[in-house]
Amino acid sequence: MRPGILLAVAVVALVLLPFGADRGMLFLASEILVVVALSQAWNLLAGYGGLLSPGHHGFVGIGGYALYVLTRDLPVHPYMAIPLAGIVTAVLGFLLAPILFRLREVYFAVGMWVAAEIFRIVVMRWDYTGGAAGLPLAAARSLNREWMGASAYWLALAVALGATALVWALMRSNFGLRLRALKDDELAARSIGVAPHRVRLAVFVLSVALTGMAGAVSFLSALFITPVAAFDINWMVTIVFVTIIGGIGRISGPFLGAALYFVLRETLAFSSSWYLVALGATAVLVMLVMPGGLAGALDRLLSRKSTMETQP
C-alpha cells in the first residue's frame, strides 16, 4: 500500500475513533495527541532551530489560562478560544523574543526557564487570574457534556495533525532551508543572505503559539485550572523525553516517543518511583544505542530492508 493511502486511512481511523471508544480511551488518546503537539512544537524550535528551551511549560500554562480568561471576559465559545490562546502566546513570545535572543546557548535556556517561572509567579499572585486558587471554566455551560470527550479528542487531533503538517511544510520550504543553514553554521548562513534574527523570531513565535494551543486543549475538559497544574515542570520533562527518545529533528519522532512514553506510564503507573526509574533508564539506553532516537533506528531499518529487496 502506498504511503499516501496508508496515511489517509490512518487519519480517517483517528477521526472515527470516538464512535468506537469509551470515555477512558478517549481521554488517554487526547492526552497522547496533546503530547504529540507539544513535542512537535518543541522539536521545531530545538530540533530544527537549535534553540533549546527548558521553559516551554510556561507557554503551556499561558495557553490554558488564556482559554479560561477569554471565555470568562469575552463572548467566545471555548472551542473558538483555542486558536485565540495560540495568538495570545504568540504575541507574548514576540514581545519576549528581543530580550531572550540577546542570550546565547545555555544562557538562552536559563532565560526561558526564568520566563516560565515569572509566568507562574505572576499568575499565582494575580487576582485577575484567580490567584493560587485557580479558575473554573466560566463557559462550561455552553459545552455539550455528552459529546465533550469526543470534542476534546477531535480538537487535540486537529492541533496535533496541524502542528505536524506545519512542521512538515516548513521544513520543505525555503524557510526550512534557511533554518537548517542557520543551525548548522550561522556565519555561513549570514554570508548567503539569511537573516538570523528574523528566522529565529518566526520559528520561536510559531513554536510557542502551537504550545499555547495544545495547552488550551489540554485544560479544556478539566473545567478548572490552577497555577500548579498549568505550570507543572512535568510538562517539560514529558516534552523533552518524548522528543529526544522519539528522535529530535525528525517529523515522526514525537509520535514514536509519545507511544513509548505512554506505554511506560500506563504499565508502571502503580509505582511512581519505578516509573521515574524506567523513564531515566529508557532515555539513557536509547541515547546510547540509538543516537537518532526511535525514528532514526526505524529509518535505518527500513533503508536496510529496501536495500536487501533491490539486491539481485
Protein backbone atom coordinates (compact mmCIF):
# COMPACT_ATOMS: atom_id res chain seq x y z
CA MET A 1 0.00 0.00 0.00
CA ARG A 2 1.29 3.45 -0.91
CA PRO A 3 2.35 5.73 1.98
CA GLY A 4 -0.19 8.40 0.99
CA ILE A 5 -3.09 5.94 1.06
CA LEU A 6 -1.87 4.44 4.33
CA LEU A 7 -1.68 7.91 5.88
CA ALA A 8 -5.20 8.78 4.70
CA VAL A 9 -6.58 5.55 6.17
CA ALA A 10 -4.83 6.26 9.49
CA VAL A 11 -6.27 9.80 9.64
CA VAL A 12 -9.79 8.56 8.88
CA ALA A 13 -9.44 5.88 11.58
CA LEU A 14 -8.33 8.51 14.10
CA VAL A 15 -11.25 10.79 13.21
CA LEU A 16 -13.74 7.93 13.67
CA LEU A 17 -12.21 6.69 16.95
CA PRO A 18 -14.77 8.41 19.25
CA PHE A 19 -17.58 6.34 17.75
CA GLY A 20 -15.99 3.11 18.98
CA ALA A 21 -14.11 4.11 22.13
CA ASP A 22 -15.19 4.59 25.73
CA ARG A 23 -14.51 7.75 27.76
CA GLY A 24 -11.34 6.40 29.33
CA MET A 25 -9.82 5.52 25.98
CA LEU A 26 -10.80 8.90 24.53
CA PHE A 27 -9.21 10.74 27.45
CA LEU A 28 -5.97 8.78 27.03
CA ALA A 29 -5.99 9.34 23.27
CA SER A 30 -6.48 13.07 23.83
CA GLU A 31 -3.53 13.12 26.23
CA ILE A 32 -1.33 11.38 23.68
CA LEU A 33 -2.29 13.82 20.94
CA VAL A 34 -1.64 16.84 23.16
CA VAL A 35 1.82 15.49 23.98
CA VAL A 36 2.48 14.90 20.26
CA ALA A 37 1.50 18.51 19.52
CA LEU A 38 3.71 19.84 22.32
CA SER A 39 6.61 17.69 21.15
CA GLN A 40 6.24 18.88 17.55
CA ALA A 41 6.25 22.49 18.76
CA TRP A 42 9.38 21.98 20.87
CA ASN A 43 11.03 19.93 18.13
CA LEU A 44 10.52 22.81 15.70
CA LEU A 45 12.43 25.15 18.00
CA ALA A 46 15.05 22.81 19.44
CA GLY A 47 15.41 20.06 16.84
CA TYR A 48 15.29 22.18 13.70
CA GLY A 49 16.14 25.61 15.09
CA GLY A 50 18.82 24.61 17.58
CA LEU A 51 17.28 26.72 20.37
CA LEU A 52 16.99 24.53 23.48
CA SER A 53 14.16 25.71 25.69
CA PRO A 54 13.58 24.20 29.15
CA GLY A 55 10.79 26.73 29.74
CA HIS A 56 8.10 25.72 27.27
CA HIS A 57 5.88 24.57 30.12
CA GLY A 58 5.38 28.27 30.80
CA PHE A 59 3.60 28.65 27.47
CA VAL A 60 1.51 25.54 28.17
CA GLY A 61 0.22 27.35 31.24
CA ILE A 62 -0.30 30.64 29.40
CA GLY A 63 -2.32 28.86 26.72
CA GLY A 64 -4.50 27.18 29.34
CA TYR A 65 -5.11 30.41 31.24
CA ALA A 66 -5.77 32.32 28.01
CA LEU A 67 -8.62 29.89 27.27
CA TYR A 68 -10.18 30.39 30.70
CA VAL A 69 -9.79 34.18 30.82
CA LEU A 70 -11.01 34.73 27.24
CA THR A 71 -14.14 32.65 27.75
CA ARG A 72 -14.81 34.42 31.05
CA ASP A 73 -14.38 38.00 29.85
CA LEU A 74 -15.47 37.78 26.20
CA PRO A 75 -18.47 36.20 24.45
CA VAL A 76 -16.23 33.50 22.98
CA HIS A 77 -17.08 29.80 22.78
CA PRO A 78 -14.36 27.63 24.37
CA TYR A 79 -13.64 25.88 21.08
CA MET A 80 -13.10 29.21 19.31
CA ALA A 81 -10.88 30.38 22.17
CA ILE A 82 -8.28 27.70 21.40
CA PRO A 83 -6.79 29.45 18.34
CA LEU A 84 -7.09 32.73 20.25
CA ALA A 85 -4.99 31.17 23.02
CA GLY A 86 -2.38 30.43 20.37
CA ILE A 87 -2.44 34.08 19.30
CA VAL A 88 -2.04 35.25 22.92
CA THR A 89 1.03 33.05 23.43
CA ALA A 90 2.41 34.10 20.05
CA VAL A 91 2.13 37.79 20.99
CA LEU A 92 3.77 37.10 24.34
CA GLY A 93 6.57 35.19 22.62
CA PHE A 94 7.03 38.02 20.13
CA LEU A 95 7.39 40.54 22.98
CA LEU A 96 9.84 38.35 24.90
CA ALA A 97 11.99 37.41 21.90
CA PRO A 98 14.10 40.61 21.76
CA ILE A 99 15.18 40.00 25.36
CA LEU A 100 15.70 36.25 25.07
CA PHE A 101 17.60 36.46 21.78
CA ARG A 102 20.26 38.58 23.42
CA LEU A 103 21.19 35.38 25.26
CA ARG A 104 23.05 32.52 23.58
CA GLU A 105 23.14 28.76 24.09
CA VAL A 106 22.97 27.89 27.81
CA TYR A 107 22.07 31.46 28.72
CA PHE A 108 19.08 31.32 26.38
CA ALA A 109 17.97 28.13 28.12
CA VAL A 110 18.30 29.81 31.52
CA GLY A 111 16.33 32.78 30.22
CA MET A 112 13.49 30.53 29.06
CA TRP A 113 13.39 28.80 32.44
CA VAL A 114 13.27 32.15 34.24
CA ALA A 115 10.48 33.35 31.94
CA ALA A 116 8.40 30.27 32.76
CA GLU A 117 8.90 30.86 36.49
CA ILE A 118 7.89 34.51 36.11
CA PHE A 119 4.69 33.43 34.32
CA ARG A 120 3.87 31.05 37.17
CA ILE A 121 4.52 33.59 39.93
CA VAL A 122 2.53 36.35 38.21
CA VAL A 123 -0.46 34.10 37.58
CA MET A 124 -0.33 32.70 41.11
CA ARG A 125 -0.33 36.16 42.73
CA TRP A 126 -2.69 37.99 40.36
CA ASP A 127 -6.32 38.17 41.44
CA TYR A 128 -7.41 38.66 37.81
CA THR A 129 -6.31 35.09 37.03
CA GLY A 130 -7.77 33.65 40.23
CA GLY A 131 -4.50 33.57 42.14
CA ALA A 132 -3.32 30.32 43.68
CA ALA A 133 -6.91 29.05 43.92
CA GLY A 134 -7.25 28.88 40.14
CA LEU A 135 -10.20 29.47 37.83
CA PRO A 136 -13.26 27.47 36.78
CA LEU A 137 -14.25 27.36 33.11
CA ALA A 138 -16.97 30.02 33.13
CA ALA A 139 -18.30 28.95 29.73
CA ALA A 140 -18.67 25.29 30.74
CA ARG A 141 -22.45 25.55 30.34
CA SER A 142 -22.01 26.13 26.60
CA LEU A 143 -20.35 22.73 26.21
CA ASN A 144 -22.31 19.62 25.29
CA ARG A 145 -21.44 17.27 28.15
CA GLU A 146 -22.46 14.19 26.18
CA TRP A 147 -20.02 14.99 23.37
CA MET A 148 -17.40 16.73 25.47
CA GLY A 149 -14.92 13.84 25.46
CA ALA A 150 -15.23 13.37 21.71
CA SER A 151 -14.99 17.11 21.05
CA ALA A 152 -11.84 17.43 23.19
CA TYR A 153 -10.35 14.48 21.32
CA TRP A 154 -11.11 15.96 17.90
CA LEU A 155 -9.63 19.29 18.95
CA ALA A 156 -6.48 17.55 20.21
CA LEU A 157 -6.31 15.60 16.95
CA ALA A 158 -6.66 18.80 14.93
CA VAL A 159 -3.89 20.55 16.87
CA ALA A 160 -1.55 17.52 16.69
CA LEU A 161 -2.08 16.95 12.96
CA GLY A 162 -1.98 20.69 12.28
CA ALA A 163 1.33 21.04 14.14
CA THR A 164 2.76 18.05 12.28
CA ALA A 165 1.61 19.36 8.89
CA LEU A 166 3.01 22.81 9.65
CA VAL A 167 6.43 21.46 10.64
CA TRP A 168 6.47 19.17 7.59
CA ALA A 169 5.62 22.06 5.22
CA LEU A 170 8.08 24.47 6.83
CA MET A 171 10.98 22.04 6.62
CA ARG A 172 10.35 21.56 2.89
CA SER A 173 10.17 25.28 2.17
CA ASN A 174 12.82 27.95 1.68
CA PHE A 175 12.25 28.93 5.29
CA GLY A 176 13.22 25.41 6.37
CA LEU A 177 16.40 25.57 4.31
CA ARG A 178 17.34 28.87 5.95
CA LEU A 179 16.57 27.46 9.39
CA ARG A 180 18.75 24.39 8.81
CA ALA A 181 21.57 26.53 7.43
CA LEU A 182 21.39 28.80 10.46
CA LYS A 183 21.52 25.86 12.84
CA ASP A 184 24.47 24.23 11.05
CA ASP A 185 26.64 27.32 10.60
CA GLU A 186 25.38 30.82 11.41
CA LEU A 187 28.35 32.59 9.81
CA ALA A 188 27.94 30.69 6.54
CA ALA A 189 24.18 31.28 6.64
CA ARG A 190 24.73 35.02 7.02
CA SER A 191 27.07 35.01 4.04
CA ILE A 192 24.30 33.70 1.75
CA GLY A 193 21.77 36.26 2.93
CA VAL A 194 19.98 34.52 5.80
CA ALA A 195 18.72 36.96 8.45
CA PRO A 196 19.25 35.08 11.76
CA HIS A 197 17.01 37.29 13.89
CA ARG A 198 14.03 37.09 11.53
CA VAL A 199 14.27 33.33 11.07
CA ARG A 200 14.67 32.64 14.79
CA LEU A 201 11.87 35.05 15.67
CA ALA A 202 9.50 33.33 13.25
CA VAL A 203 10.29 29.81 14.47
CA PHE A 204 10.10 30.90 18.12
CA VAL A 205 6.70 32.57 17.71
CA LEU A 206 5.31 29.58 15.79
CA SER A 207 6.63 27.17 18.43
CA VAL A 208 5.10 29.00 21.39
CA ALA A 209 1.81 29.53 19.51
CA LEU A 210 1.46 25.78 18.93
CA THR A 211 2.40 25.16 22.56
CA GLY A 212 -0.27 27.58 23.75
CA MET A 213 -2.96 25.93 21.63
CA ALA A 214 -2.01 22.48 22.90
CA GLY A 215 -2.09 23.80 26.47
CA ALA A 216 -5.57 25.23 25.91
CA VAL A 217 -6.84 21.91 24.55
CA SER A 218 -5.31 20.05 27.48
CA PHE A 219 -7.19 22.10 30.08
CA LEU A 220 -10.47 22.36 28.17
CA SER A 221 -12.03 19.18 29.52
CA ALA A 222 -10.67 19.74 33.05
CA LEU A 223 -13.17 22.61 33.59
CA PHE A 224 -10.76 24.04 36.18
CA ILE A 225 -7.21 25.35 36.06
CA THR A 226 -4.63 26.14 38.75
CA PRO A 227 -1.09 27.53 38.52
CA VAL A 228 0.32 24.31 39.97
CA ALA A 229 -1.21 22.21 37.19
CA ALA A 230 -0.74 24.73 34.38
CA PHE A 231 2.93 25.45 35.00
CA ASP A 232 3.92 21.98 36.22
CA ILE A 233 7.54 21.13 35.36
CA ASN A 234 6.37 17.63 34.41
CA TRP A 235 5.10 19.16 31.16
CA MET A 236 8.70 19.98 30.28
CA VAL A 237 10.02 16.60 31.37
CA THR A 238 7.47 14.85 29.18
CA ILE A 239 8.12 17.07 26.15
CA VAL A 240 11.90 16.61 26.29
CA PHE A 241 11.68 12.85 26.91
CA VAL A 242 9.23 12.27 24.05
CA THR A 243 11.15 14.42 21.58
CA ILE A 244 14.62 13.07 22.30
CA ILE A 245 13.60 9.42 22.61
CA GLY A 246 11.43 9.65 19.50
CA GLY A 247 14.17 11.37 17.52
CA ILE A 248 14.91 15.08 17.76
CA GLY A 249 14.83 16.86 14.42
CA ARG A 250 12.58 14.19 12.86
CA ILE A 251 8.91 14.63 11.98
CA SER A 252 7.95 11.12 13.14
CA GLY A 253 9.88 11.42 16.41
CA PRO A 254 7.04 12.87 18.54
CA PHE A 255 4.67 10.07 17.52
CA LEU A 256 7.14 7.28 18.32
CA GLY A 257 8.34 8.96 21.51
CA ALA A 258 4.78 9.55 22.73
CA ALA A 259 3.88 5.92 22.07
CA LEU A 260 6.81 4.66 24.16
CA TYR A 261 6.22 7.23 26.90
CA PHE A 262 2.57 6.29 27.39
CA VAL A 263 3.31 2.56 27.27
CA LEU A 264 5.77 3.05 30.13
CA ARG A 265 3.40 5.33 32.02
CA GLU A 266 0.40 3.04 31.77
CA THR A 267 2.45 -0.08 32.53
CA LEU A 268 4.24 1.35 35.58
CA ALA A 269 1.54 3.72 36.82
CA PHE A 270 1.16 1.66 40.01
CA SER A 271 4.60 2.78 41.20
CA SER A 272 5.70 6.38 40.72
CA SER A 273 9.26 5.62 41.83
CA TRP A 274 9.73 2.75 39.37
CA TYR A 275 8.05 4.82 36.67
CA LEU A 276 10.68 7.56 37.00
CA VAL A 277 13.49 4.99 37.10
CA ALA A 278 12.12 3.39 33.93
CA LEU A 279 11.94 6.76 32.16
CA GLY A 280 15.52 7.59 33.07
CA ALA A 281 16.86 4.16 32.16
CA THR A 282 14.99 4.19 28.84
CA ALA A 283 16.31 7.65 27.98
CA VAL A 284 19.92 6.64 28.68
CA LEU A 285 19.58 3.33 26.82
CA VAL A 286 18.03 4.87 23.71
CA MET A 287 20.60 7.69 23.56
CA LEU A 288 23.45 5.16 23.83
CA VAL A 289 22.11 2.54 21.44
CA MET A 290 20.08 4.75 19.08
CA PRO A 291 21.58 8.27 18.93
CA GLY A 292 18.96 9.29 16.36
CA GLY A 293 16.13 8.08 18.58
CA LEU A 294 13.43 5.61 17.61
CA ALA A 295 12.79 7.45 14.34
CA GLY A 296 16.44 7.19 13.36
CA ALA A 297 16.51 3.47 14.15
CA LEU A 298 13.31 2.93 12.15
CA ASP A 299 14.73 4.83 9.17
CA ARG A 300 17.87 2.69 9.20
CA LEU A 301 15.80 -0.49 9.43
CA LEU A 302 13.57 0.49 6.51
CA SER A 303 16.59 1.59 4.46
CA ARG A 304 18.33 -1.74 5.09
CA LYS A 305 15.18 -3.64 4.13
CA SER A 306 14.81 -1.61 0.93
CA THR A 307 18.45 -2.27 0.02
CA MET A 308 18.04 -6.02 0.56
CA GLU A 309 14.90 -6.09 -1.61
CA THR A 310 16.62 -4.30 -4.51
CA GLN A 311 19.66 -6.57 -4.48
CA PRO A 312 19.51 -9.43 -7.04
